[in-house]
């Protein structure tokens, strides 16, 4: 794949930590991080499109089902649910 030289600003602590861990090719690290981030964004977009298609086909998810799903996910994540107060 062709490469393009750009300038990026990275937190000093991250650069220091990478070097302390023996990483000498920071361009490769940044390239991999960007590739991983773009993959994540593409997956989120695909999921968003799928959910939009389901909403169009089946209608929106009822609010009580959303609340139940949020509570279950919060419990799995170990997060106290305070969404009702927001």
PDB file of N, CA and C in Angstrom:
ATOM      1  N   UNK A   1       0.851  -1.173   0.000  1.00  0.00           N
ATOM      2  CA  UNK A   1       0.000   0.000   0.000  1.00  0.00           C
ATOM      3  C   UNK A   1       0.900   1.239   0.000  1.00  0.00           C
ATOM      4  N   UNK A   2       0.512   2.225  -0.745  1.00  0.00           N
ATOM      5  CA  UNK A   2       1.281   3.465  -0.805  1.00  0.00           C
ATOM      6  C   UNK A   2       1.239   4.172   0.547  1.00  0.00           C
ATOM      7  N   UNK A   3       2.288   4.891   0.847  1.00  0.00           N
ATOM      8  CA  UNK A   3       2.378   5.624   2.111  1.00  0.00           C
ATOM      9  C   UNK A   3       2.329   7.118   1.833  1.00  0.00           C
ATOM     10  N   UNK A   4       1.819   7.867   2.796  1.00  0.00           N
ATOM     11  CA  UNK A   4       1.798   9.322   2.716  1.00  0.00           C
ATOM     12  C   UNK A   4       2.380   9.853   4.010  1.00  0.00           C
ATOM     13  N   UNK A   5       3.304  10.767   3.886  1.00  0.00           N
ATOM     14  CA  UNK A   5       3.908  11.370   5.075  1.00  0.00           C
ATOM     15  C   UNK A   5       3.013  12.497   5.563  1.00  0.00           C
ATOM     16  N   UNK A   6       2.677  12.436   6.852  1.00  0.00           N
ATOM     17  CA  UNK A   6       1.866  13.480   7.485  1.00  0.00           C
ATOM     18  C   UNK A   6       2.510  13.821   8.816  1.00  0.00           C
ATOM     19  N   UNK A   7       2.012  14.856   9.444  1.00  0.00           N
ATOM     20  CA  UNK A   7       2.474  15.226  10.777  1.00  0.00           C
ATOM     21  C   UNK A   7       1.332  14.963  11.747  1.00  0.00           C
ATOM     22  N   UNK A   8       1.651  14.274  12.836  1.00  0.00           N
ATOM     23  CA  UNK A   8       0.660  14.033  13.885  1.00  0.00           C
ATOM     24  C   UNK A   8       1.248  14.463  15.219  1.00  0.00           C
ATOM     25  N   UNK A   9       0.377  14.800  16.127  1.00  0.00           N
ATOM     26  CA  UNK A   9       0.796  15.144  17.477  1.00  0.00           C
ATOM     27  C   UNK A   9       0.322  14.032  18.396  1.00  0.00           C
ATOM     28  N   UNK A  10       1.255  13.490  19.167  1.00  0.00           N
ATOM     29  CA  UNK A  10       0.971  12.352  20.042  1.00  0.00           C
ATOM     30  C   UNK A  10       1.365  12.741  21.459  1.00  0.00           C
ATOM     31  N   UNK A  11       0.578  12.275  22.420  1.00  0.00           N
ATOM     32  CA  UNK A  11       0.905  12.553  23.817  1.00  0.00           C
ATOM     33  C   UNK A  11       2.318  12.072  24.133  1.00  0.00           C
ATOM     34  N   UNK A  12       3.087  12.936  24.767  1.00  0.00           N
ATOM     35  CA  UNK A  12       4.480  12.636  25.093  1.00  0.00           C
ATOM     36  C   UNK A  12       4.615  11.356  25.912  1.00  0.00           C
ATOM     37  N   UNK A  13       3.691  11.156  26.842  1.00  0.00           N
ATOM     38  CA  UNK A  13       3.742   9.969  27.688  1.00  0.00           C
ATOM     39  C   UNK A  13       3.598   8.687  26.870  1.00  0.00           C
ATOM     40  N   UNK A  14       2.778   8.733  25.826  1.00  0.00           N
ATOM     41  CA  UNK A  14       2.601   7.553  24.984  1.00  0.00           C
ATOM     42  C   UNK A  14       3.866   7.247  24.191  1.00  0.00           C
ATOM     43  N   UNK A  15       4.507   8.290  23.682  1.00  0.00           N
ATOM     44  CA  UNK A  15       5.761   8.098  22.951  1.00  0.00           C
ATOM     45  C   UNK A  15       6.822   7.525  23.887  1.00  0.00           C
ATOM     46  N   UNK A  16       6.931   8.095  25.088  1.00  0.00           N
ATOM     47  CA  UNK A  16       7.904   7.593  26.063  1.00  0.00           C
ATOM     48  C   UNK A  16       7.637   6.135  26.403  1.00  0.00           C
ATOM     49  N   UNK A  17       6.380   5.806  26.636  1.00  0.00           N
ATOM     50  CA  UNK A  17       6.029   4.434  26.988  1.00  0.00           C
ATOM     51  C   UNK A  17       6.344   3.471  25.840  1.00  0.00           C
ATOM     52  N   UNK A  18       6.040   3.868  24.623  1.00  0.00           N
ATOM     53  CA  UNK A  18       6.337   3.016  23.465  1.00  0.00           C
ATOM     54  C   UNK A  18       7.835   2.766  23.364  1.00  0.00           C
ATOM     55  N   UNK A  19       8.611   3.799  23.549  1.00  0.00           N
ATOM     56  CA  UNK A  19      10.070   3.649  23.464  1.00  0.00           C
ATOM     57  C   UNK A  19      10.605   2.797  24.610  1.00  0.00           C
ATOM     58  N   UNK A  20      10.059   2.987  25.817  1.00  0.00           N
ATOM     59  CA  UNK A  20      10.480   2.175  26.964  1.00  0.00           C
ATOM     60  C   UNK A  20      10.190   0.697  26.730  1.00  0.00           C
ATOM     61  N   UNK A  21       9.141   0.422  25.970  1.00  0.00           N
ATOM     62  CA  UNK A  21       8.772  -0.959  25.672  1.00  0.00           C
ATOM     63  C   UNK A  21       9.498  -1.495  24.445  1.00  0.00           C
ATOM     64  N   UNK A  22      10.423  -0.696  23.905  1.00  0.00           N
ATOM     65  CA  UNK A  22      11.256  -1.160  22.805  1.00  0.00           C
ATOM     66  C   UNK A  22      10.718  -0.872  21.420  1.00  0.00           C
ATOM     67  N   UNK A  23       9.644  -0.111  21.320  1.00  0.00           N
ATOM     68  CA  UNK A  23       9.082   0.204  20.006  1.00  0.00           C
ATOM     69  C   UNK A  23       9.888   1.328  19.371  1.00  0.00           C
ATOM     70  N   UNK A  24      10.500   1.040  18.237  1.00  0.00           N
ATOM     71  CA  UNK A  24      11.310   2.047  17.554  1.00  0.00           C
ATOM     72  C   UNK A  24      10.647   2.561  16.288  1.00  0.00           C
ATOM     73  N   UNK A  25       9.632   1.870  15.807  1.00  0.00           N
ATOM     74  CA  UNK A  25       8.960   2.270  14.569  1.00  0.00           C
ATOM     75  C   UNK A  25       7.592   2.862  14.902  1.00  0.00           C
ATOM     76  N   UNK A  26       7.599   4.101  15.365  1.00  0.00           N
ATOM     77  CA  UNK A  26       6.348   4.732  15.786  1.00  0.00           C
ATOM     78  C   UNK A  26       5.382   4.918  14.639  1.00  0.00           C
ATOM     79  N   UNK A  27       5.889   5.090  13.427  1.00  0.00           N
ATOM     80  CA  UNK A  27       4.992   5.213  12.276  1.00  0.00           C
ATOM     81  C   UNK A  27       4.145   3.959  12.127  1.00  0.00           C
ATOM     82  N   UNK A  28       4.755   2.802  12.328  1.00  0.00           N
ATOM     83  CA  UNK A  28       4.011   1.545  12.225  1.00  0.00           C
ATOM     84  C   UNK A  28       2.962   1.440  13.323  1.00  0.00           C
ATOM     85  N   UNK A  29       3.303   1.913  14.522  1.00  0.00           N
ATOM     86  CA  UNK A  29       2.358   1.884  15.640  1.00  0.00           C
ATOM     87  C   UNK A  29       1.167   2.780  15.337  1.00  0.00           C
ATOM     88  N   UNK A  30       1.432   3.995  14.873  1.00  0.00           N
ATOM     89  CA  UNK A  30       0.353   4.935  14.547  1.00  0.00           C
ATOM     90  C   UNK A  30      -0.486   4.380  13.406  1.00  0.00           C
ATOM     91  N   UNK A  31       0.157   3.804  12.394  1.00  0.00           N
ATOM     92  CA  UNK A  31      -0.560   3.237  11.257  1.00  0.00           C
ATOM     93  C   UNK A  31      -1.498   2.119  11.712  1.00  0.00           C
ATOM     94  N   UNK A  32      -1.010   1.234  12.588  1.00  0.00           N
ATOM     95  CA  UNK A  32      -1.825   0.126  13.094  1.00  0.00           C
ATOM     96  C   UNK A  32      -2.978   0.650  13.930  1.00  0.00           C
ATOM     97  N   UNK A  33      -2.712   1.636  14.776  1.00  0.00           N
ATOM     98  CA  UNK A  33      -3.769   2.206  15.616  1.00  0.00           C
ATOM     99  C   UNK A  33      -4.855   2.843  14.754  1.00  0.00           C
ATOM    100  N   UNK A  34      -4.459   3.563  13.713  1.00  0.00           N
ATOM    101  CA  UNK A  34      -5.429   4.187  12.814  1.00  0.00           C
ATOM    102  C   UNK A  34      -6.229   3.123  12.075  1.00  0.00           C
ATOM    103  N   UNK A  35      -5.571   2.073  11.604  1.00  0.00           N
ATOM    104  CA  UNK A  35      -6.271   0.993  10.911  1.00  0.00           C
ATOM    105  C   UNK A  35      -7.293   0.331  11.838  1.00  0.00           C
ATOM    106  N   UNK A  36      -6.892   0.077  13.086  1.00  0.00           N
ATOM    107  CA  UNK A  36      -7.809  -0.532  14.055  1.00  0.00           C
ATOM    108  C   UNK A  36      -8.995   0.387  14.339  1.00  0.00           C
ATOM    109  N   UNK A  37      -8.729   1.677  14.470  1.00  0.00           N
ATOM    110  CA  UNK A  37      -9.799   2.637  14.745  1.00  0.00           C
ATOM    111  C   UNK A  37     -10.778   2.707  13.571  1.00  0.00           C
ATOM    112  N   UNK A  38     -10.255   2.740  12.354  1.00  0.00           N
ATOM    113  CA  UNK A  38     -11.124   2.794  11.180  1.00  0.00           C
ATOM    114  C   UNK A  38     -11.956   1.519  11.050  1.00  0.00           C
ATOM    115  N   UNK A  39     -11.370   0.378  11.390  1.00  0.00           N
ATOM    116  CA  UNK A  39     -12.128  -0.878  11.387  1.00  0.00           C
ATOM    117  C   UNK A  39     -13.268  -0.799  12.395  1.00  0.00           C
ATOM    118  N   UNK A  40     -12.976  -0.259  13.571  1.00  0.00           N
ATOM    119  CA  UNK A  40     -14.000  -0.084  14.606  1.00  0.00           C
ATOM    120  C   UNK A  40     -15.130   0.821  14.099  1.00  0.00           C
ATOM    121  N   UNK A  41     -14.771   1.944  13.475  1.00  0.00           N
ATOM    122  CA  UNK A  41     -15.786   2.860  12.952  1.00  0.00           C
ATOM    123  C   UNK A  41     -16.621   2.209  11.856  1.00  0.00           C
ATOM    124  N   UNK A  42     -15.986   1.416  11.002  1.00  0.00           N
ATOM    125  CA  UNK A  42     -16.715   0.730   9.932  1.00  0.00           C
ATOM    126  C   UNK A  42     -17.705  -0.278  10.511  1.00  0.00           C
ATOM    127  N   UNK A  43     -17.293  -0.981  11.574  1.00  0.00           N
ATOM    128  CA  UNK A  43     -18.196  -1.932  12.224  1.00  0.00           C
ATOM    129  C   UNK A  43     -19.377  -1.214  12.869  1.00  0.00           C
ATOM    130  N   UNK A  44     -19.109  -0.089  13.514  1.00  0.00           N
ATOM    131  CA  UNK A  44     -20.205   0.696  14.100  1.00  0.00           C
ATOM    132  C   UNK A  44     -21.167   1.175  13.032  1.00  0.00           C
ATOM    133  N   UNK A  45     -20.637   1.624  11.893  1.00  0.00           N
ATOM    134  CA  UNK A  45     -21.482   2.087  10.804  1.00  0.00           C
ATOM    135  C   UNK A  45     -22.333   0.950  10.249  1.00  0.00           C
ATOM    136  N   UNK A  46     -21.736  -0.229  10.084  1.00  0.00           N
ATOM    137  CA  UNK A  46     -22.491  -1.382   9.586  1.00  0.00           C
ATOM    138  C   UNK A  46     -23.604  -1.755  10.569  1.00  0.00           C
ATOM    139  N   UNK A  47     -23.295  -1.704  11.867  1.00  0.00           N
ATOM    140  CA  UNK A  47     -24.312  -2.014  12.864  1.00  0.00           C
ATOM    141  C   UNK A  47     -25.430  -0.975  12.835  1.00  0.00           C
ATOM    142  N   UNK A  48     -25.050   0.308  12.692  1.00  0.00           N
ATOM    143  CA  UNK A  48     -26.044   1.379  12.622  1.00  0.00           C
ATOM    144  C   UNK A  48     -26.973   1.170  11.427  1.00  0.00           C
ATOM    145  N   UNK A  49     -26.385   0.801  10.293  1.00  0.00           N
ATOM    146  CA  UNK A  49     -27.197   0.553   9.093  1.00  0.00           C
ATOM    147  C   UNK A  49     -28.133  -0.631   9.302  1.00  0.00           C
ATOM    148  N   UNK A  50     -27.635  -1.695   9.908  1.00  0.00           N
ATOM    149  CA  UNK A  50     -28.455  -2.870  10.168  1.00  0.00           C
ATOM    150  C   UNK A  50     -29.623  -2.518  11.091  1.00  0.00           C
ATOM    151  N   UNK A  51     -29.339  -1.761  12.155  1.00  0.00           N
ATOM    152  CA  UNK A  51     -30.393  -1.372  13.082  1.00  0.00           C
ATOM    153  C   UNK A  51     -31.420  -0.465  12.411  1.00  0.00           C
ATOM    154  N   UNK A  52     -30.965   0.437  11.541  1.00  0.00           N
ATOM    155  CA  UNK A  52     -31.896   1.292  10.788  1.00  0.00           C
ATOM    156  C   UNK A  52     -32.803   0.454   9.890  1.00  0.00           C
ATOM    157  N   UNK A  53     -32.217  -0.571   9.248  1.00  0.00           N
ATOM    158  CA  UNK A  53     -33.015  -1.460   8.397  1.00  0.00           C
ATOM    159  C   UNK A  53     -34.043  -2.220   9.228  1.00  0.00           C
ATOM    160  N   UNK A  54     -33.642  -2.688  10.412  1.00  0.00           N
ATOM    161  CA  UNK A  54     -34.578  -3.399  11.278  1.00  0.00           C
ATOM    162  C   UNK A  54     -35.688  -2.473  11.759  1.00  0.00           C
ATOM    163  N   UNK A  55     -35.322  -1.225  12.097  1.00  0.00           N
ATOM    164  CA  UNK A  55     -36.354  -0.257  12.501  1.00  0.00           C
ATOM    165  C   UNK A  55     -37.352  -0.029  11.379  1.00  0.00           C
ATOM    166  N   UNK A  56     -36.854   0.083  10.155  1.00  0.00           N
ATOM    167  CA  UNK A  56     -37.743   0.305   9.016  1.00  0.00           C
ATOM    168  C   UNK A  56     -38.640  -0.914   8.776  1.00  0.00           C
ATOM    169  N   UNK A  57     -38.086  -2.094   8.990  1.00  0.00           N
ATOM    170  CA  UNK A  57     -38.829  -3.327   8.709  1.00  0.00           C
ATOM    171  C   UNK A  57     -39.783  -3.701   9.841  1.00  0.00           C
ATOM    172  N   UNK A  58     -39.314  -3.571  11.092  1.00  0.00           N
ATOM    173  CA  UNK A  58     -40.084  -4.069  12.235  1.00  0.00           C
ATOM    174  C   UNK A  58     -40.610  -2.973  13.155  1.00  0.00           C
ATOM    175  N   UNK A  59     -40.187  -1.726  12.916  1.00  0.00           N
ATOM    176  CA  UNK A  59     -40.574  -0.638  13.803  1.00  0.00           C
ATOM    177  C   UNK A  59     -39.565  -0.477  14.917  1.00  0.00           C
ATOM    178  N   UNK A  60     -39.619   0.646  15.608  1.00  0.00           N
ATOM    179  CA  UNK A  60     -38.651   0.901  16.680  1.00  0.00           C
ATOM    180  C   UNK A  60     -38.856  -0.056  17.855  1.00  0.00           C
ATOM    181  N   UNK A  61     -37.800  -0.263  18.612  1.00  0.00           N
ATOM    182  CA  UNK A  61     -37.853  -1.103  19.804  1.00  0.00           C
ATOM    183  C   UNK A  61     -38.636  -0.342  20.877  1.00  0.00           C
ATOM    184  N   UNK A  62     -39.593  -1.001  21.514  1.00  0.00           N
ATOM    185  CA  UNK A  62     -40.362  -0.321  22.563  1.00  0.00           C
ATOM    186  C   UNK A  62     -39.452   0.171  23.692  1.00  0.00           C
ATOM    187  N   UNK A  63     -39.797   1.315  24.275  1.00  0.00           N
ATOM    188  CA  UNK A  63     -38.970   1.946  25.302  1.00  0.00           C
ATOM    189  C   UNK A  63     -38.714   1.021  26.486  1.00  0.00           C
ATOM    190  N   UNK A  64     -39.725   0.251  26.890  1.00  0.00           N
ATOM    191  CA  UNK A  64     -39.528  -0.647  28.035  1.00  0.00           C
ATOM    192  C   UNK A  64     -38.502  -1.738  27.719  1.00  0.00           C
ATOM    193  N   UNK A  65     -38.440  -2.189  26.478  1.00  0.00           N
ATOM    194  CA  UNK A  65     -37.430  -3.176  26.079  1.00  0.00           C
ATOM    195  C   UNK A  65     -36.035  -2.544  26.066  1.00  0.00           C
ATOM    196  N   UNK A  66     -35.946  -1.294  25.598  1.00  0.00           N
ATOM    197  CA  UNK A  66     -34.665  -0.586  25.615  1.00  0.00           C
ATOM    198  C   UNK A  66     -34.165  -0.407  27.046  1.00  0.00           C
ATOM    199  N   UNK A  67     -35.066  -0.029  27.938  1.00  0.00           N
ATOM    200  CA  UNK A  67     -34.692   0.171  29.343  1.00  0.00           C
ATOM    201  C   UNK A  67     -34.196  -1.138  29.950  1.00  0.00           C
ATOM    202  N   UNK A  68     -34.872  -2.227  29.654  1.00  0.00           N
ATOM    203  CA  UNK A  68     -34.457  -3.531  30.169  1.00  0.00           C
ATOM    204  C   UNK A  68     -33.089  -3.926  29.627  1.00  0.00           C
ATOM    205  N   UNK A  69     -32.869  -3.704  28.340  1.00  0.00           N
ATOM    206  CA  UNK A  69     -31.573  -4.033  27.731  1.00  0.00           C
ATOM    207  C   UNK A  69     -30.465  -3.171  28.326  1.00  0.00           C
ATOM    208  N   UNK A  70     -30.734  -1.873  28.516  1.00  0.00           N
ATOM    209  CA  UNK A  70     -29.733  -0.990  29.126  1.00  0.00           C
ATOM    210  C   UNK A  70     -29.369  -1.462  30.533  1.00  0.00           C
ATOM    211  N   UNK A  71     -30.372  -1.815  31.321  1.00  0.00           N
ATOM    212  CA  UNK A  71     -30.126  -2.264  32.689  1.00  0.00           C
ATOM    213  C   UNK A  71     -29.296  -3.548  32.700  1.00  0.00           C
ATOM    214  N   UNK A  72     -29.610  -4.457  31.793  1.00  0.00           N
ATOM    215  CA  UNK A  72     -28.852  -5.711  31.715  1.00  0.00           C
ATOM    216  C   UNK A  72     -27.407  -5.447  31.330  1.00  0.00           C
ATOM    217  N   UNK A  73     -27.182  -4.594  30.327  1.00  0.00           N
ATOM    218  CA  UNK A  73     -25.825  -4.281  29.907  1.00  0.00           C
ATOM    219  C   UNK A  73     -25.062  -3.542  31.000  1.00  0.00           C
ATOM    220  N   UNK A  74     -25.726  -2.621  31.683  1.00  0.00           N
ATOM    221  CA  UNK A  74     -25.076  -1.923  32.793  1.00  0.00           C
ATOM    222  C   UNK A  74     -24.674  -2.900  33.879  1.00  0.00           C
ATOM    223  N   UNK A  75     -25.549  -3.861  34.169  1.00  0.00           N
ATOM    224  CA  UNK A  75     -25.240  -4.865  35.193  1.00  0.00           C
ATOM    225  C   UNK A  75     -24.047  -5.705  34.759  1.00  0.00           C
ATOM    226  N   UNK A  76     -24.003  -6.103  33.494  1.00  0.00           N
ATOM    227  CA  UNK A  76     -22.884  -6.885  32.988  1.00  0.00           C
ATOM    228  C   UNK A  76     -21.583  -6.092  33.022  1.00  0.00           C
ATOM    229  N   UNK A  77     -21.676  -4.783  32.778  1.00  0.00           N
ATOM    230  CA  UNK A  77     -20.498  -3.918  32.801  1.00  0.00           C
ATOM    231  C   UNK A  77     -20.122  -3.489  34.219  1.00  0.00           C
ATOM    232  N   UNK A  78     -20.990  -3.781  35.196  1.00  0.00           N
ATOM    233  CA  UNK A  78     -20.718  -3.371  36.570  1.00  0.00           C
ATOM    234  C   UNK A  78     -20.936  -1.891  36.777  1.00  0.00           C
ATOM    235  N   UNK A  79     -21.830  -1.304  35.996  1.00  0.00           N
ATOM    236  CA  UNK A  79     -22.109   0.127  36.087  1.00  0.00           C
ATOM    237  C   UNK A  79     -23.452   0.322  36.764  1.00  0.00           C
ATOM    238  N   UNK A  80     -23.468   1.195  37.725  1.00  0.00           N
ATOM    239  CA  UNK A  80     -24.746   1.519  38.364  1.00  0.00           C
ATOM    240  C   UNK A  80     -25.571   2.318  37.379  1.00  0.00           C
ATOM    241  N   UNK A  81     -26.804   1.902  37.176  1.00  0.00           N
ATOM    242  CA  UNK A  81     -27.667   2.575  36.212  1.00  0.00           C
ATOM    243  C   UNK A  81     -28.290   3.802  36.833  1.00  0.00           C
ATOM    244  N   UNK A  82     -27.929   4.968  36.290  1.00  0.00           N
ATOM    245  CA  UNK A  82     -28.529   6.220  36.751  1.00  0.00           C
ATOM    246  C   UNK A  82     -29.143   6.951  35.574  1.00  0.00           C
ATOM    247  N   UNK A  83     -29.509   6.209  34.548  1.00  0.00           N
ATOM    248  CA  UNK A  83     -30.068   6.808  33.328  1.00  0.00           C
ATOM    249  C   UNK A  83     -31.405   7.479  33.607  1.00  0.00           C
ATOM    250  N   UNK A  84     -32.145   6.964  34.555  1.00  0.00           N
ATOM    251  CA  UNK A  84     -33.456   7.555  34.855  1.00  0.00           C
ATOM    252  C   UNK A  84     -33.320   8.962  35.414  1.00  0.00           C
ATOM    253  N   UNK A  85     -32.179   9.250  36.046  1.00  0.00           N
ATOM    254  CA  UNK A  85     -31.977  10.579  36.642  1.00  0.00           C
ATOM    255  C   UNK A  85     -31.508  11.586  35.616  1.00  0.00           C
ATOM    256  N   UNK A  86     -31.027  11.111  34.477  1.00  0.00           N
ATOM    257  CA  UNK A  86     -30.461  12.018  33.466  1.00  0.00           C
ATOM    258  C   UNK A  86     -31.520  12.718  32.674  1.00  0.00           C
TER     259      UNK A  86
END
